[in-house]
Each structure stands twice: as structure tokens, then as C-alpha cells.
Amino acid sequence: MGYPPHLVAPMAAELEDAGFTSLKSVEEVDNVLREGEGTTLLMVNSVCGCAAGAARPGVIHSLTHSVKPDKTVTVFAGVDMDATQRARQYLLPYPPSSPAVALFKDGQLVHMIERHHIEGRSAAMIAANLMAAYEEFCKTVPSN
């Protein structure tokens, strides 16, 4: 069944207003995560308190960094069930977790923040973790 749209709309809008594309179908998830070129940040959004207090604000703040992913996308656990289930297939071997944040480079999962890495941490800590991952995986190397 899922959460009522009026309840989750502001939570989805928080990420969309920051430039995230909401993926609502299996096809949309596959089109983005199967592409395999560049870097993509995926947030599995959630209605829980740690999503509101740390995950969403931390992820949004991380995008103020000078180095950032090429694409930012989100699925909403408990809302877009099929899209979330498909996204979680790309996150294997990690178990289902929401909220969660994943960074892909050239179609490969290279960095994962699970719910247990979010709970009890501040938005600033989440942002710093992601910024370090952007430094490692999102920088383009000049070709000679």
C-alpha cells in the first residue's frame, strides 16, 4: 500500500528542489543505473526521522562541494515500491535499507551509506562522508 501522497510530497520535494530526479518506475531506474557512464548519486528516501534530520539535509549539503556526481536521483521507499525494489537490486550485496545513499561510477556501486551509518549522525557528518567519496570517485582525470 504505501504512504499517502500528501504526507510524502514535501519529503520528495526537498530532494527534487535540490536537483534530484525522482525515479518512479522500474524502467526509469534501469535507464539511469544501467547507463554505466559517469557518476550517479542515488538516495533511497524515507519518511523516518533520520532521513529528515540527517540524510536529506546531509545529501543536499554535500552537493555544495566543488566536486559532485554527474547525476542525482532518488527513489522513495514505501511510496514508489517497484522503483525502490529495482534500485535495491543495484545495491546488492547490501541489504534493503532506507534511508540509504549510494554512489555509482561507470555503472558500478562504489560507495554506500546504509541506515545504520545515518542513525545517530549529523547532517554535517553525512555530507563530509559523501564529499570524501566525491573526491575519490567523481573527479575527472585529465587525459594527455
Protein backbone atom coordinates (compact mmCIF):
# COMPACT_ATOMS: atom_id res chain seq x y z
CA MET A 1 0.00 0.00 0.00
CA GLY A 2 2.34 2.93 0.71
CA TYR A 3 2.13 6.32 2.32
CA PRO A 4 -0.49 8.94 1.38
CA PRO A 5 0.82 11.28 -1.35
CA HIS A 6 0.06 14.45 0.65
CA LEU A 7 2.21 13.15 3.52
CA VAL A 8 5.30 12.39 1.46
CA ALA A 9 5.12 15.20 -1.12
CA PRO A 10 7.17 17.67 0.99
CA MET A 11 9.79 14.98 1.69
CA ALA A 12 10.15 14.21 -2.02
CA ALA A 13 10.12 17.91 -2.91
CA GLU A 14 13.05 18.56 -0.56
CA LEU A 15 15.29 16.47 -2.82
CA GLU A 16 13.64 17.49 -6.09
CA ASP A 17 14.11 21.16 -5.23
CA ALA A 18 17.82 20.39 -4.76
CA GLY A 19 18.01 18.97 -8.30
CA PHE A 20 17.28 15.28 -7.72
CA THR A 21 15.21 13.39 -10.27
CA SER A 22 12.58 11.14 -8.68
CA LEU A 23 12.55 7.72 -10.29
CA LYS A 24 9.05 6.27 -10.13
CA SER A 25 9.24 3.14 -12.28
CA VAL A 26 11.45 0.13 -12.89
CA GLU A 27 12.20 1.47 -16.37
CA GLU A 28 13.35 4.84 -15.04
CA VAL A 29 15.65 3.16 -12.52
CA ASP A 30 17.12 0.89 -15.19
CA ASN A 31 17.60 3.77 -17.63
CA VAL A 32 19.67 5.70 -15.10
CA LEU A 33 21.55 3.00 -13.23
CA ARG A 34 22.24 0.72 -16.20
CA GLU A 35 23.79 3.51 -18.28
CA GLY A 36 27.22 2.96 -16.88
CA GLU A 37 28.93 6.22 -17.73
CA GLY A 38 29.86 8.93 -15.27
CA THR A 39 28.80 9.18 -11.65
CA THR A 40 25.32 8.92 -10.18
CA LEU A 41 24.21 9.57 -6.61
CA LEU A 42 21.12 7.61 -5.56
CA MET A 43 19.22 8.36 -2.38
CA VAL A 44 16.67 5.88 -1.11
CA ASN A 45 14.35 8.38 0.59
CA SER A 46 12.26 7.55 3.63
CA VAL A 47 9.69 9.08 5.96
CA CYS A 48 11.74 8.26 9.06
CA GLY A 49 13.27 10.83 11.36
CA CYS A 50 16.86 10.05 10.39
CA ALA A 51 16.00 10.79 6.75
CA ALA A 52 14.56 14.17 7.74
CA GLY A 53 17.18 15.09 10.32
CA ALA A 54 20.39 13.81 8.77
CA ALA A 55 20.14 12.02 5.43
CA ARG A 56 18.29 14.52 3.23
CA PRO A 57 19.99 17.62 4.68
CA GLY A 58 23.40 15.91 4.56
CA VAL A 59 22.99 14.75 0.98
CA ILE A 60 21.77 18.18 -0.13
CA HIS A 61 24.66 19.91 1.65
CA SER A 62 27.17 17.52 0.07
CA LEU A 63 26.20 18.89 -3.33
CA THR A 64 27.64 22.30 -2.43
CA HIS A 65 31.09 20.70 -2.79
CA SER A 66 33.14 21.71 -5.83
CA VAL A 67 33.32 18.05 -6.90
CA LYS A 68 29.99 16.27 -7.22
CA PRO A 69 28.25 13.49 -9.13
CA ASP A 70 27.07 13.93 -12.71
CA LYS A 71 23.51 12.87 -11.82
CA THR A 72 21.42 12.85 -8.66
CA VAL A 73 18.39 10.59 -8.42
CA THR A 74 16.07 9.27 -5.74
CA VAL A 75 13.54 6.55 -5.09
CA PHE A 76 11.08 6.75 -2.22
CA ALA A 77 10.78 3.64 -0.03
CA GLY A 78 7.19 2.94 0.93
CA VAL A 79 5.93 5.12 -1.92
CA ASP A 80 7.36 4.04 -5.26
CA MET A 81 7.52 0.36 -4.39
CA ASP A 82 8.56 -1.10 -7.76
CA ALA A 83 11.19 1.56 -8.41
CA THR A 84 12.63 1.11 -4.92
CA GLN A 85 12.72 -2.67 -5.26
CA ARG A 86 14.59 -2.35 -8.59
CA ALA A 87 17.04 0.20 -7.17
CA ARG A 88 17.79 -2.17 -4.31
CA GLN A 89 18.84 -4.81 -6.85
CA TYR A 90 21.59 -2.41 -7.95
CA LEU A 91 22.63 -2.03 -4.30
CA LEU A 92 23.35 -5.71 -3.73
CA PRO A 93 25.05 -7.22 -1.76
CA TYR A 94 23.85 -4.57 0.71
CA PRO A 95 20.54 -5.47 2.36
CA PRO A 96 17.50 -3.21 1.89
CA SER A 97 17.96 -0.03 3.87
CA SER A 98 16.06 3.21 3.98
CA PRO A 99 17.21 5.80 4.04
CA ALA A 100 20.36 4.92 2.15
CA VAL A 101 22.73 6.75 -0.17
CA ALA A 102 24.74 5.12 -2.95
CA LEU A 103 27.31 6.42 -5.39
CA PHE A 104 27.81 4.71 -8.73
CA LYS A 105 30.71 5.24 -11.09
CA ASP A 106 30.51 3.91 -14.63
CA GLY A 107 27.64 1.65 -13.61
CA GLN A 108 29.40 0.18 -10.56
CA LEU A 109 28.42 0.75 -6.94
CA VAL A 110 31.48 2.39 -5.37
CA HIS A 111 30.22 3.92 -2.10
CA MET A 112 27.29 3.07 0.17
CA ILE A 113 25.84 4.68 3.26
CA GLU A 114 23.30 2.43 4.97
CA ARG A 115 20.70 3.43 7.53
CA HIS A 116 22.94 2.28 10.42
CA HIS A 117 25.58 4.73 9.13
CA ILE A 118 22.98 7.53 9.18
CA GLU A 119 21.26 6.95 12.53
CA GLY A 120 22.87 8.97 15.30
CA ARG A 121 24.99 11.02 12.91
CA SER A 122 24.56 14.64 11.94
CA ALA A 123 23.80 16.03 8.51
CA ALA A 124 27.32 17.52 8.52
CA MET A 125 28.83 14.06 9.08
CA ILE A 126 26.79 12.59 6.20
CA ALA A 127 27.83 15.49 3.95
CA ALA A 128 31.52 15.08 4.86
CA ASN A 129 31.36 11.34 4.16
CA LEU A 130 29.83 11.98 0.73
CA MET A 131 32.22 14.81 -0.12
CA ALA A 132 35.15 12.48 0.55
CA ALA A 133 33.56 9.91 -1.78
CA TYR A 134 33.08 12.60 -4.46
CA GLU A 135 36.77 13.49 -4.16
CA GLU A 136 37.70 9.85 -4.67
CA PHE A 137 35.24 8.85 -7.39
CA CYS A 138 33.84 11.94 -9.14
CA LYS A 139 36.98 13.80 -10.15
CA THR A 140 37.74 13.65 -13.83
CA VAL A 141 41.29 12.79 -14.64
CA PRO A 142 42.75 14.98 -17.38
CA SER A 143 43.82 12.98 -20.41
CA ASN A 144 47.12 13.72 -22.12
